[in-house]
Amino acid sequence: MFKHLARAGLLLALGVTSINTALAQVGNPNLATLTGSESSGNGAEAAAGSAIHPVRGFLPDLDFELLAAGGKTMTEKDFSGKIVLMFFGYASCPDICPTTMAQLSQVVQNLGPDADKVRIIFVSVDPHRDTPEILQAYVDAFDSHAIGLTGSESQISRLARRYRVAYQIEKPRGDDTQVYEVAHSRGIYIFDERGKARMLASDGESVEKLTAAVREIMSS
């Protein structure tokens, strides 16, 4: 299920339902990698091997109202002037989320003096278990520049729809209502200092390429 959601998440984020439609609508050869094929060489072939896709003009601006630790309500305005790396997941995720958080933390560290220009936003798709305090404690373990955000079911659902994020909360299998599985699509949304959606990256992309993508936005 996670594999299918990962691929579907990238397609949904681009507002399409098939690879051919994605290529036709966006006209970007970099999106050919969504087929899962491999490329080698340089020039155009090397570009096709990238898993970081420019989405300027194809995804909406950063816009949300969610809860942070300490009972604080945060919106996109709290991140004005910062490059935002946004990722959807949940605190008890066994593998995808901690791996991605570790990647993003390393990206921020690689920026050195420019690290303060970037903020990591981890949005929980599991608002039943992830309180703002639990989320902040979770992201703090990875990076001091990270913010954990949650909200009501409707708030999370609305934000997920805005960025075409697919997720599904399974029903508890036993008597404990707090034990259940969550499936979610994977992708790192990168917004510039004005809150404009600039890039959508695979969570499997290398730290080096993610760092280069952030630096590119900084210099643009």
N, C-alpha and C. Protein backbone atom coordinates (compact mmCIF):
# COMPACT_ATOMS: atom_id res chain seq x y z
N MET A 1 0.82 -1.21 0.00
CA MET A 1 0.00 0.00 0.00
C MET A 1 0.85 1.26 0.00
N PHE A 2 1.94 1.28 0.80
CA PHE A 2 2.78 2.46 0.89
C PHE A 2 3.43 2.76 -0.45
N LYS A 3 3.85 1.72 -1.18
CA LYS A 3 4.50 1.91 -2.47
C LYS A 3 3.54 2.57 -3.44
N HIS A 4 2.30 2.09 -3.47
CA HIS A 4 1.31 2.66 -4.38
C HIS A 4 0.97 4.09 -3.99
N LEU A 5 0.86 4.37 -2.69
CA LEU A 5 0.54 5.72 -2.24
C LEU A 5 1.67 6.69 -2.55
N ALA A 6 2.91 6.20 -2.48
CA ALA A 6 4.05 7.07 -2.77
C ALA A 6 3.97 7.56 -4.21
N ARG A 7 3.72 6.66 -5.16
CA ARG A 7 3.63 7.03 -6.57
C ARG A 7 2.37 7.86 -6.81
N ALA A 8 1.28 7.45 -6.21
CA ALA A 8 0.04 8.19 -6.40
C ALA A 8 0.14 9.60 -5.84
N GLY A 9 0.87 9.74 -4.73
CA GLY A 9 1.00 11.05 -4.11
C GLY A 9 1.66 12.07 -5.02
N LEU A 10 2.71 11.65 -5.73
CA LEU A 10 3.38 12.56 -6.65
C LEU A 10 2.46 12.94 -7.81
N LEU A 11 1.72 11.96 -8.32
CA LEU A 11 0.79 12.24 -9.41
C LEU A 11 -0.34 13.16 -8.96
N LEU A 12 -0.91 12.85 -7.80
CA LEU A 12 -2.01 13.65 -7.29
C LEU A 12 -1.57 15.08 -7.02
N ALA A 13 -0.35 15.23 -6.53
CA ALA A 13 0.15 16.58 -6.23
C ALA A 13 0.23 17.42 -7.50
N LEU A 14 0.44 16.77 -8.63
CA LEU A 14 0.49 17.49 -9.88
C LEU A 14 -0.89 17.60 -10.51
N GLY A 15 -1.91 17.05 -9.83
CA GLY A 15 -3.27 17.20 -10.30
C GLY A 15 -3.60 16.34 -11.49
N VAL A 16 -2.91 15.20 -11.63
CA VAL A 16 -3.14 14.34 -12.78
C VAL A 16 -3.38 12.92 -12.31
N THR A 17 -3.82 12.07 -13.23
CA THR A 17 -4.13 10.69 -12.88
C THR A 17 -3.32 9.68 -13.65
N SER A 18 -2.46 10.13 -14.54
CA SER A 18 -1.62 9.19 -15.29
C SER A 18 -0.30 9.83 -15.65
N ILE A 19 0.71 9.02 -15.94
CA ILE A 19 2.01 9.53 -16.34
C ILE A 19 1.90 10.35 -17.61
N ASN A 20 1.21 9.82 -18.62
CA ASN A 20 1.10 10.52 -19.90
C ASN A 20 0.43 11.87 -19.74
N THR A 21 -0.60 11.93 -18.90
CA THR A 21 -1.27 13.20 -18.67
C THR A 21 -0.33 14.18 -17.99
N ALA A 22 0.47 13.68 -17.05
CA ALA A 22 1.43 14.54 -16.34
C ALA A 22 2.41 15.16 -17.33
N LEU A 23 2.96 14.33 -18.22
CA LEU A 23 3.93 14.83 -19.17
C LEU A 23 3.29 15.80 -20.15
N ALA A 24 2.06 15.51 -20.57
CA ALA A 24 1.38 16.36 -21.53
C ALA A 24 1.03 17.71 -20.93
N GLN A 25 0.54 17.70 -19.67
CA GLN A 25 0.08 18.94 -19.05
C GLN A 25 1.24 19.82 -18.61
N VAL A 26 2.29 19.19 -18.08
CA VAL A 26 3.39 19.98 -17.54
C VAL A 26 4.46 20.23 -18.59
N GLY A 27 4.65 19.28 -19.50
CA GLY A 27 5.65 19.44 -20.53
C GLY A 27 7.06 19.47 -19.98
N ASN A 28 7.30 18.72 -18.91
CA ASN A 28 8.60 18.73 -18.24
C ASN A 28 9.23 17.35 -18.32
N PRO A 29 10.37 17.20 -19.02
CA PRO A 29 10.98 15.88 -19.16
C PRO A 29 11.43 15.28 -17.84
N ASN A 30 11.64 16.11 -16.81
CA ASN A 30 12.05 15.58 -15.51
C ASN A 30 11.00 14.65 -14.93
N LEU A 31 9.72 14.86 -15.29
CA LEU A 31 8.64 14.07 -14.72
C LEU A 31 8.61 12.66 -15.28
N ALA A 32 9.45 12.36 -16.26
CA ALA A 32 9.50 11.01 -16.81
C ALA A 32 9.91 9.99 -15.77
N THR A 33 10.59 10.44 -14.73
CA THR A 33 11.04 9.51 -13.68
C THR A 33 9.87 8.93 -12.91
N LEU A 34 8.69 9.52 -13.00
CA LEU A 34 7.53 8.99 -12.29
C LEU A 34 7.13 7.62 -12.81
N THR A 35 7.63 7.24 -13.99
CA THR A 35 7.32 5.92 -14.54
C THR A 35 8.12 4.84 -13.82
N GLY A 36 9.16 5.26 -13.10
CA GLY A 36 9.99 4.29 -12.40
C GLY A 36 11.14 3.79 -13.24
N SER A 37 11.30 4.30 -14.46
CA SER A 37 12.40 3.87 -15.32
C SER A 37 13.69 4.53 -14.87
N GLU A 38 14.80 3.94 -15.27
CA GLU A 38 16.10 4.47 -14.88
C GLU A 38 16.75 5.11 -16.09
N SER A 39 17.57 6.12 -15.81
CA SER A 39 18.29 6.80 -16.87
C SER A 39 19.76 6.83 -16.53
N SER A 40 20.58 6.97 -17.55
CA SER A 40 22.02 7.08 -17.34
C SER A 40 22.56 8.10 -18.32
N GLY A 41 23.79 8.53 -18.12
CA GLY A 41 24.38 9.49 -19.02
C GLY A 41 24.33 10.88 -18.46
N ASN A 42 24.44 11.88 -19.36
CA ASN A 42 24.43 13.26 -18.89
C ASN A 42 23.48 14.08 -19.72
N GLY A 43 23.51 15.41 -19.58
CA GLY A 43 22.63 16.27 -20.34
C GLY A 43 21.18 16.00 -20.02
N ALA A 44 20.38 15.83 -21.08
CA ALA A 44 18.94 15.61 -20.90
C ALA A 44 18.67 14.34 -20.14
N GLU A 45 19.49 13.28 -20.38
CA GLU A 45 19.29 12.03 -19.68
C GLU A 45 19.53 12.17 -18.20
N ALA A 46 20.54 12.94 -17.82
CA ALA A 46 20.81 13.15 -16.40
C ALA A 46 19.68 13.92 -15.75
N ALA A 47 19.14 14.91 -16.49
CA ALA A 47 18.03 15.69 -15.95
C ALA A 47 16.83 14.81 -15.68
N ALA A 48 16.61 13.82 -16.58
CA ALA A 48 15.47 12.93 -16.42
C ALA A 48 15.62 12.03 -15.21
N GLY A 49 16.86 11.90 -14.71
CA GLY A 49 17.09 11.04 -13.57
C GLY A 49 16.80 11.70 -12.24
N SER A 50 16.45 12.98 -12.29
CA SER A 50 16.19 13.71 -11.05
C SER A 50 14.83 13.34 -10.49
N ALA A 51 14.74 13.28 -9.16
CA ALA A 51 13.46 13.01 -8.51
C ALA A 51 12.97 14.26 -7.80
N ILE A 52 13.50 15.41 -8.21
CA ILE A 52 13.04 16.69 -7.69
C ILE A 52 12.38 17.43 -8.85
N HIS A 53 11.08 17.67 -8.75
CA HIS A 53 10.32 18.19 -9.87
C HIS A 53 9.89 19.63 -9.64
N PRO A 54 10.22 20.54 -10.57
CA PRO A 54 9.73 21.91 -10.46
C PRO A 54 8.20 21.92 -10.56
N VAL A 55 7.55 22.59 -9.64
CA VAL A 55 6.08 22.62 -9.64
C VAL A 55 5.55 24.05 -9.59
N ARG A 56 6.39 24.98 -9.91
CA ARG A 56 5.97 26.39 -9.88
C ARG A 56 4.79 26.60 -10.83
N GLY A 57 3.70 27.09 -10.30
CA GLY A 57 2.52 27.32 -11.10
C GLY A 57 1.57 26.14 -11.18
N PHE A 58 1.99 24.99 -10.62
CA PHE A 58 1.16 23.79 -10.68
C PHE A 58 0.66 23.34 -9.32
N LEU A 59 1.19 23.91 -8.27
CA LEU A 59 0.70 23.64 -6.92
C LEU A 59 0.40 24.98 -6.25
N PRO A 60 -0.59 25.02 -5.34
CA PRO A 60 -0.97 26.29 -4.72
C PRO A 60 0.07 26.80 -3.71
N ASP A 61 -0.04 28.08 -3.41
CA ASP A 61 0.85 28.69 -2.42
C ASP A 61 0.64 28.06 -1.05
N LEU A 62 1.61 28.27 -0.19
CA LEU A 62 1.50 27.79 1.19
C LEU A 62 0.35 28.51 1.88
N ASP A 63 -0.57 27.75 2.46
CA ASP A 63 -1.75 28.35 3.09
C ASP A 63 -2.34 27.34 4.07
N PHE A 64 -2.32 27.65 5.35
CA PHE A 64 -2.86 26.73 6.35
C PHE A 64 -3.12 27.46 7.66
N GLU A 65 -3.87 26.80 8.52
CA GLU A 65 -4.08 27.24 9.90
C GLU A 65 -4.13 25.98 10.75
N LEU A 66 -3.07 25.74 11.52
CA LEU A 66 -2.95 24.50 12.28
C LEU A 66 -2.45 24.80 13.70
N LEU A 67 -2.46 23.76 14.53
CA LEU A 67 -2.06 23.90 15.93
C LEU A 67 -0.63 23.45 16.16
N ALA A 68 0.08 24.25 16.95
CA ALA A 68 1.45 23.92 17.35
C ALA A 68 1.48 23.72 18.86
N ALA A 69 2.61 23.30 19.37
CA ALA A 69 2.75 23.09 20.82
C ALA A 69 2.49 24.37 21.59
N GLY A 70 2.00 24.20 22.82
CA GLY A 70 1.72 25.36 23.65
C GLY A 70 0.40 26.02 23.34
N GLY A 71 -0.46 25.34 22.60
CA GLY A 71 -1.76 25.90 22.27
C GLY A 71 -1.71 27.02 21.25
N LYS A 72 -0.61 27.13 20.52
CA LYS A 72 -0.45 28.20 19.56
C LYS A 72 -1.04 27.82 18.20
N THR A 73 -1.75 28.72 17.59
CA THR A 73 -2.24 28.54 16.23
C THR A 73 -1.24 29.17 15.28
N MET A 74 -0.82 28.42 14.27
CA MET A 74 0.15 28.92 13.32
C MET A 74 -0.44 28.91 11.92
N THR A 75 -0.04 29.89 11.12
CA THR A 75 -0.45 29.97 9.73
C THR A 75 0.80 30.15 8.87
N GLU A 76 0.59 30.19 7.58
CA GLU A 76 1.71 30.38 6.66
C GLU A 76 2.42 31.70 6.93
N LYS A 77 1.74 32.66 7.52
CA LYS A 77 2.35 33.97 7.79
C LYS A 77 3.49 33.86 8.80
N ASP A 78 3.44 32.83 9.67
CA ASP A 78 4.51 32.64 10.64
C ASP A 78 5.81 32.20 9.98
N PHE A 79 5.74 31.83 8.71
CA PHE A 79 6.93 31.35 8.01
C PHE A 79 7.32 32.27 6.86
N SER A 80 6.75 33.48 6.87
CA SER A 80 7.09 34.46 5.84
C SER A 80 8.59 34.76 5.88
N GLY A 81 9.21 34.76 4.73
CA GLY A 81 10.65 35.02 4.66
C GLY A 81 11.50 33.79 4.83
N LYS A 82 10.88 32.64 5.06
CA LYS A 82 11.61 31.39 5.23
C LYS A 82 11.31 30.42 4.09
N ILE A 83 12.30 29.66 3.70
CA ILE A 83 12.05 28.54 2.79
C ILE A 83 11.48 27.42 3.63
N VAL A 84 10.39 26.83 3.17
CA VAL A 84 9.70 25.80 3.95
C VAL A 84 9.84 24.43 3.28
N LEU A 85 10.23 23.44 4.07
CA LEU A 85 10.26 22.05 3.63
C LEU A 85 9.12 21.36 4.36
N MET A 86 8.04 21.04 3.66
CA MET A 86 6.86 20.48 4.30
C MET A 86 6.69 19.01 3.96
N PHE A 87 6.39 18.23 5.00
CA PHE A 87 6.25 16.78 4.85
C PHE A 87 5.06 16.31 5.67
N PHE A 88 4.26 15.42 5.11
CA PHE A 88 3.10 14.87 5.80
C PHE A 88 3.42 13.47 6.32
N GLY A 89 3.07 13.22 7.60
CA GLY A 89 3.32 11.90 8.16
C GLY A 89 2.64 11.77 9.51
N TYR A 90 3.23 10.98 10.40
CA TYR A 90 2.70 10.85 11.76
C TYR A 90 3.80 10.37 12.69
N ALA A 91 3.68 10.71 13.96
CA ALA A 91 4.77 10.52 14.92
C ALA A 91 5.13 9.07 15.18
N SER A 92 4.16 8.16 15.09
CA SER A 92 4.46 6.75 15.36
C SER A 92 4.79 5.97 14.11
N CYS A 93 5.03 6.66 13.01
CA CYS A 93 5.45 6.03 11.75
C CYS A 93 6.75 5.27 11.98
N PRO A 94 6.81 3.99 11.58
CA PRO A 94 7.98 3.16 11.89
C PRO A 94 9.20 3.40 11.02
N ASP A 95 9.04 3.93 9.81
CA ASP A 95 10.22 3.99 8.94
C ASP A 95 10.28 5.23 8.04
N ILE A 96 9.23 5.49 7.26
CA ILE A 96 9.27 6.56 6.28
C ILE A 96 9.52 7.93 6.93
N CYS A 97 8.73 8.25 7.94
CA CYS A 97 8.82 9.58 8.56
C CYS A 97 10.14 9.85 9.27
N PRO A 98 10.63 8.94 10.11
CA PRO A 98 11.92 9.24 10.75
C PRO A 98 13.07 9.33 9.76
N THR A 99 13.01 8.52 8.71
CA THR A 99 14.06 8.59 7.69
C THR A 99 14.02 9.93 6.99
N THR A 100 12.83 10.39 6.62
CA THR A 100 12.69 11.67 5.93
C THR A 100 13.08 12.83 6.84
N MET A 101 12.66 12.77 8.10
CA MET A 101 13.04 13.83 9.03
C MET A 101 14.55 13.90 9.20
N ALA A 102 15.20 12.75 9.23
CA ALA A 102 16.66 12.73 9.35
C ALA A 102 17.30 13.35 8.11
N GLN A 103 16.72 13.06 6.94
CA GLN A 103 17.23 13.65 5.69
C GLN A 103 17.11 15.16 5.72
N LEU A 104 15.93 15.64 6.08
CA LEU A 104 15.70 17.09 6.08
C LEU A 104 16.57 17.79 7.12
N SER A 105 16.77 17.13 8.24
CA SER A 105 17.65 17.70 9.26
C SER A 105 19.06 17.87 8.72
N GLN A 106 19.52 16.88 7.97
CA GLN A 106 20.87 16.95 7.39
C GLN A 106 20.95 18.05 6.34
N VAL A 107 19.86 18.23 5.58
CA VAL A 107 19.82 19.30 4.59
C VAL A 107 20.02 20.65 5.28
N VAL A 108 19.29 20.87 6.37
CA VAL A 108 19.40 22.13 7.10
C VAL A 108 20.82 22.31 7.64
N GLN A 109 21.40 21.24 8.18
CA GLN A 109 22.77 21.33 8.69
C GLN A 109 23.75 21.68 7.58
N ASN A 110 23.53 21.12 6.39
CA ASN A 110 24.43 21.37 5.27
C ASN A 110 24.42 22.83 4.83
N LEU A 111 23.37 23.55 5.18
CA LEU A 111 23.26 24.95 4.76
C LEU A 111 24.13 25.89 5.58
N GLY A 112 24.66 25.38 6.69
CA GLY A 112 25.56 26.18 7.50
C GLY A 112 24.93 27.47 7.98
N PRO A 113 25.56 28.62 7.70
CA PRO A 113 25.03 29.91 8.17
C PRO A 113 23.64 30.24 7.63
N ASP A 114 23.26 29.59 6.54
CA ASP A 114 21.95 29.86 5.94
C ASP A 114 20.84 28.99 6.53
N ALA A 115 21.17 28.18 7.51
CA ALA A 115 20.18 27.25 8.07
C ALA A 115 18.96 27.97 8.64
N ASP A 116 19.18 29.16 9.19
CA ASP A 116 18.07 29.88 9.81
C ASP A 116 17.06 30.40 8.79
N LYS A 117 17.41 30.32 7.51
CA LYS A 117 16.50 30.77 6.46
C LYS A 117 15.49 29.68 6.08
N VAL A 118 15.62 28.51 6.71
CA VAL A 118 14.79 27.35 6.35
C VAL A 118 14.04 26.84 7.56
N ARG A 119 12.81 26.39 7.34
CA ARG A 119 12.02 25.75 8.39
C ARG A 119 11.43 24.44 7.85
N ILE A 120 11.50 23.42 8.67
CA ILE A 120 10.88 22.13 8.36
C ILE A 120 9.51 22.11 9.03
N ILE A 121 8.48 21.80 8.26
CA ILE A 121 7.13 21.65 8.81
C ILE A 121 6.70 20.20 8.65
N PHE A 122 6.41 19.56 9.77
CA PHE A 122 5.93 18.18 9.77
C PHE A 122 4.45 18.21 10.13
N VAL A 123 3.59 17.88 9.16
CA VAL A 123 2.14 17.92 9.36
C VAL A 123 1.64 16.50 9.62
N SER A 124 0.98 16.29 10.75
CA SER A 124 0.47 14.96 11.08
C SER A 124 -0.85 14.68 10.37
N VAL A 125 -0.95 13.47 9.78
CA VAL A 125 -2.22 13.01 9.21
C VAL A 125 -2.94 12.10 10.20
N ASP A 126 -2.43 12.08 11.44
CA ASP A 126 -3.00 11.23 12.49
C ASP A 126 -3.34 12.09 13.71
N PRO A 127 -4.31 12.99 13.55
CA PRO A 127 -4.61 13.94 14.63
C PRO A 127 -5.19 13.29 15.89
N HIS A 128 -5.65 12.06 15.79
CA HIS A 128 -6.22 11.38 16.96
C HIS A 128 -5.15 11.06 18.00
N ARG A 129 -3.97 10.68 17.55
CA ARG A 129 -2.89 10.32 18.49
C ARG A 129 -1.84 11.41 18.63
N ASP A 130 -1.65 12.20 17.60
CA ASP A 130 -0.57 13.19 17.61
C ASP A 130 -1.05 14.54 18.15
N THR A 131 -0.82 14.75 19.42
CA THR A 131 -1.10 16.07 19.99
C THR A 131 0.02 17.02 19.57
N PRO A 132 -0.19 18.32 19.66
CA PRO A 132 0.87 19.27 19.30
C PRO A 132 2.16 19.04 20.10
N GLU A 133 1.99 18.69 21.39
CA GLU A 133 3.18 18.46 22.22
C GLU A 133 3.94 17.20 21.80
N ILE A 134 3.20 16.15 21.49
CA ILE A 134 3.84 14.91 21.02
C ILE A 134 4.60 15.17 19.73
N LEU A 135 3.97 15.91 18.82
CA LEU A 135 4.61 16.20 17.54
C LEU A 135 5.87 17.04 17.70
N GLN A 136 5.80 18.06 18.55
CA GLN A 136 6.97 18.92 18.71
C GLN A 136 8.12 18.16 19.35
N ALA A 137 7.81 17.31 20.32
CA ALA A 137 8.86 16.49 20.93
C ALA A 137 9.49 15.57 19.88
N TYR A 138 8.65 15.07 18.98
CA TYR A 138 9.13 14.19 17.93
C TYR A 138 10.09 14.91 16.99
N VAL A 139 9.68 16.08 16.47
CA VAL A 139 10.53 16.77 15.51
C VAL A 139 11.76 17.38 16.17
N ASP A 140 11.65 17.75 17.45
CA ASP A 140 12.80 18.30 18.16
C ASP A 140 13.95 17.30 18.23
N ALA A 141 13.61 16.01 18.22
CA ALA A 141 14.63 14.98 18.27
C ALA A 141 15.49 14.97 17.01
N PHE A 142 14.98 15.59 15.95
CA PHE A 142 15.71 15.63 14.68
C PHE A 142 16.34 16.99 14.40
N ASP A 143 15.57 18.06 14.64
CA ASP A 143 16.08 19.37 14.24
C ASP A 143 15.37 20.50 14.98
N SER A 144 16.14 21.45 15.44
CA SER A 144 15.57 22.58 16.18
C SER A 144 14.83 23.56 15.27
N HIS A 145 15.00 23.40 13.95
CA HIS A 145 14.32 24.26 13.00
C HIS A 145 12.99 23.66 12.56
N ALA A 146 12.62 22.53 13.11
CA ALA A 146 11.41 21.84 12.68
C ALA A 146 10.22 22.22 13.57
N ILE A 147 9.06 22.25 12.96
CA ILE A 147 7.81 22.56 13.67
C ILE A 147 6.82 21.43 13.39
N GLY A 148 6.23 20.88 14.45
CA GLY A 148 5.20 19.86 14.30
C GLY A 148 3.83 20.50 14.37
N LEU A 149 2.99 20.22 13.40
CA LEU A 149 1.67 20.83 13.34
C LEU A 149 0.57 19.78 13.18
N THR A 150 -0.55 20.02 13.82
CA THR A 150 -1.70 19.15 13.69
C THR A 150 -2.97 20.02 13.71
N GLY A 151 -4.12 19.38 13.82
CA GLY A 151 -5.37 20.12 13.83
C GLY A 151 -6.54 19.17 13.88
N SER A 152 -7.70 19.67 13.58
CA SER A 152 -8.88 18.81 13.55
C SER A 152 -8.84 17.95 12.30
N GLU A 153 -9.72 16.95 12.27
CA GLU A 153 -9.79 16.09 11.08
C GLU A 153 -10.07 16.92 9.83
N SER A 154 -10.98 17.87 9.94
CA SER A 154 -11.33 18.68 8.77
C SER A 154 -10.17 19.57 8.33
N GLN A 155 -9.42 20.11 9.29
CA GLN A 155 -8.28 20.95 8.94
C GLN A 155 -7.22 20.15 8.19
N ILE A 156 -6.91 18.96 8.71
CA ILE A 156 -5.90 18.11 8.07
C ILE A 156 -6.39 17.66 6.70
N SER A 157 -7.64 17.26 6.63
CA SER A 157 -8.20 16.80 5.35
C SER A 157 -8.17 17.91 4.31
N ARG A 158 -8.49 19.12 4.73
CA ARG A 158 -8.52 20.26 3.81
C ARG A 158 -7.11 20.56 3.28
N LEU A 159 -6.12 20.53 4.16
CA LEU A 159 -4.75 20.80 3.73
C LEU A 159 -4.24 19.69 2.83
N ALA A 160 -4.56 18.45 3.17
CA ALA A 160 -4.14 17.32 2.35
C ALA A 160 -4.72 17.42 0.94
N ARG A 161 -5.99 17.79 0.86
CA ARG A 161 -6.62 17.95 -0.47
C ARG A 161 -5.94 19.07 -1.25
N ARG A 162 -5.57 20.13 -0.54
CA ARG A 162 -4.95 21.28 -1.21
C ARG A 162 -3.67 20.86 -1.92
N TYR A 163 -2.90 19.97 -1.29
CA TYR A 163 -1.63 19.55 -1.88
C TYR A 163 -1.66 18.12 -2.41
N ARG A 164 -2.88 17.60 -2.62
CA ARG A 164 -3.09 16.28 -3.24
C ARG A 164 -2.37 15.17 -2.47
N VAL A 165 -2.41 15.25 -1.17
CA VAL A 165 -1.79 14.23 -0.33
C VAL A 165 -2.81 13.12 -0.04
N ALA A 166 -2.42 11.89 -0.32
CA ALA A 166 -3.30 10.75 -0.06
C ALA A 166 -2.92 10.10 1.27
N TYR A 167 -3.91 9.83 2.10
CA TYR A 167 -3.64 9.12 3.35
C TYR A 167 -4.88 8.34 3.77
N GLN A 168 -4.65 7.32 4.57
CA GLN A 168 -5.74 6.47 5.02
C GLN A 168 -5.45 5.95 6.42
N ILE A 169 -6.39 6.13 7.32
CA ILE A 169 -6.27 5.63 8.70
C ILE A 169 -7.09 4.35 8.81
N GLU A 170 -6.42 3.26 9.12
CA GLU A 170 -7.09 1.97 9.22
C GLU A 170 -7.85 1.87 10.54
N LYS A 171 -8.83 1.00 10.58
CA LYS A 171 -9.57 0.76 11.82
C LYS A 171 -8.72 -0.07 12.77
N PRO A 172 -8.84 0.19 14.09
CA PRO A 172 -8.10 -0.62 15.08
C PRO A 172 -8.45 -2.10 14.92
N ARG A 173 -7.45 -2.95 15.04
CA ARG A 173 -7.68 -4.38 14.87
C ARG A 173 -8.05 -5.08 16.17
N GLY A 174 -7.73 -4.46 17.28
CA GLY A 174 -8.03 -5.07 18.58
C GLY A 174 -8.88 -4.17 19.44
N ASP A 175 -8.83 -4.40 20.74
CA ASP A 175 -9.63 -3.62 21.68
C ASP A 175 -9.05 -2.23 21.93
N ASP A 176 -7.73 -2.09 21.74
CA ASP A 176 -7.08 -0.81 21.99
C ASP A 176 -7.32 0.12 20.80
N THR A 177 -8.09 1.17 21.00
CA THR A 177 -8.44 2.08 19.91
C THR A 177 -7.27 2.96 19.48
N GLN A 178 -6.17 2.92 20.25
CA GLN A 178 -5.01 3.73 19.92
C GLN A 178 -4.00 2.97 19.08
N VAL A 179 -4.30 1.73 18.76
CA VAL A 179 -3.39 0.91 17.96
C VAL A 179 -4.01 0.68 16.59
N TYR A 180 -3.46 1.32 15.58
CA TYR A 180 -3.94 1.16 14.22
C TYR A 180 -2.85 1.63 13.26
N GLU A 181 -3.01 1.29 12.00
CA GLU A 181 -2.02 1.64 11.00
C GLU A 181 -2.49 2.86 10.19
N VAL A 182 -1.51 3.59 9.71
CA VAL A 182 -1.78 4.76 8.89
C VAL A 182 -0.94 4.66 7.62
N ALA A 183 -1.57 4.82 6.48
CA ALA A 183 -0.85 4.85 5.21
C ALA A 183 -0.92 6.27 4.65
N HIS A 184 0.18 6.73 4.08
CA HIS A 184 0.18 8.09 3.52
C HIS A 184 1.15 8.19 2.36
N SER A 185 0.83 9.09 1.44
CA SER A 185 1.73 9.31 0.31
C SER A 185 2.97 10.06 0.79
N ARG A 186 4.01 9.96 -0.02
CA ARG A 186 5.29 10.50 0.40
C ARG A 186 5.76 11.57 -0.59
N GLY A 187 6.28 12.63 -0.05
CA GLY A 187 6.80 13.69 -0.89
C GLY A 187 7.19 14.87 -0.03
N ILE A 188 8.21 15.58 -0.45
CA ILE A 188 8.68 16.76 0.27
C ILE A 188 8.33 17.99 -0.56
N TYR A 189 7.50 18.86 0.01
CA TYR A 189 7.06 20.07 -0.68
C TYR A 189 7.98 21.21 -0.28
N ILE A 190 8.54 21.88 -1.27
CA ILE A 190 9.49 22.96 -0.99
C ILE A 190 8.89 24.29 -1.47
N PHE A 191 8.74 25.23 -0.54
CA PHE A 191 8.18 26.55 -0.83
C PHE A 191 9.26 27.61 -0.65
N ASP A 192 9.19 28.64 -1.46
CA ASP A 192 10.19 29.71 -1.32
C ASP A 192 9.79 30.70 -0.22
N GLU A 193 10.57 31.75 -0.09
CA GLU A 193 10.38 32.71 1.00
C GLU A 193 9.04 33.45 0.93
N ARG A 194 8.42 33.45 -0.22
CA ARG A 194 7.12 34.11 -0.39
C ARG A 194 5.96 33.12 -0.29
N GLY A 195 6.27 31.87 0.04
CA GLY A 195 5.22 30.86 0.18
C GLY A 195 4.79 30.26 -1.14
N LYS A 196 5.55 30.48 -2.21
CA LYS A 196 5.23 29.91 -3.50
C LYS A 196 5.75 28.47 -3.60
N ALA A 197 4.92 27.55 -4.07
CA ALA A 197 5.36 26.17 -4.25
C ALA A 197 6.40 26.14 -5.37
N ARG A 198 7.58 25.61 -5.08
CA ARG A 198 8.66 25.61 -6.07
C ARG A 198 9.06 24.22 -6.52
N MET A 199 9.12 23.28 -5.59
CA MET A 199 9.59 21.95 -5.95
C MET A 199 8.87 20.87 -5.14
N LEU A 200 8.76 19.68 -5.76
CA LEU A 200 8.22 18.51 -5.09
C LEU A 200 9.26 17.42 -5.24
N ALA A 201 9.76 16.92 -4.12
CA ALA A 201 10.85 15.95 -4.14
C ALA A 201 10.41 14.60 -3.58
N SER A 202 10.98 13.57 -4.11
CA SER A 202 10.76 12.25 -3.56
C SER A 202 11.43 12.16 -2.20
N ASP A 203 10.80 11.44 -1.27
CA ASP A 203 11.42 11.28 0.05
C ASP A 203 12.68 10.42 -0.05
N GLY A 204 12.88 9.77 -1.19
CA GLY A 204 14.07 8.94 -1.37
C GLY A 204 15.21 9.68 -2.03
N GLU A 205 15.02 10.98 -2.29
CA GLU A 205 16.07 11.78 -2.91
C GLU A 205 17.24 11.95 -1.96
N SER A 206 18.43 12.11 -2.52
CA SER A 206 19.63 12.24 -1.70
C SER A 206 19.66 13.58 -0.98
N VAL A 207 20.35 13.60 0.15
CA VAL A 207 20.52 14.83 0.93
C VAL A 207 21.23 15.87 0.08
N GLU A 208 22.20 15.44 -0.71
CA GLU A 208 22.98 16.37 -1.52
C GLU A 208 22.10 17.09 -2.55
N LYS A 209 21.20 16.34 -3.20
CA LYS A 209 20.33 16.96 -4.21
C LYS A 209 19.28 17.86 -3.56
N LEU A 210 18.79 17.44 -2.41
CA LEU A 210 17.83 18.28 -1.70
C LEU A 210 18.48 19.58 -1.26
N THR A 211 19.71 19.48 -0.77
CA THR A 211 20.43 20.68 -0.36
C THR A 211 20.65 21.61 -1.54
N ALA A 212 21.02 21.04 -2.68
CA ALA A 212 21.24 21.83 -3.90
C ALA A 212 19.95 22.52 -4.33
N ALA A 213 18.81 21.82 -4.19
CA ALA A 213 17.52 22.41 -4.57
C ALA A 213 17.19 23.61 -3.69
N VAL A 214 17.45 23.49 -2.40
CA VAL A 214 17.18 24.60 -1.48
C VAL A 214 18.10 25.77 -1.80
N ARG A 215 19.35 25.49 -2.06
CA ARG A 215 20.30 26.58 -2.40
C ARG A 215 19.88 27.27 -3.70
N GLU A 216 19.35 26.49 -4.62
CA GLU A 216 18.89 27.08 -5.89
C GLU A 216 17.78 28.09 -5.65
N ILE A 217 16.86 27.73 -4.75
CA ILE A 217 15.76 28.64 -4.42
C ILE A 217 16.31 29.88 -3.73
N MET A 218 17.27 29.70 -2.84
CA MET A 218 17.86 30.84 -2.14
C MET A 218 18.50 31.84 -3.11
N SER A 219 19.09 31.32 -4.17
CA SER A 219 19.81 32.18 -5.11
C SER A 219 18.93 32.73 -6.21
N SER A 220 17.67 32.30 -6.27
CA SER A 220 16.80 32.75 -7.37
C SER A 220 16.09 34.06 -7.01
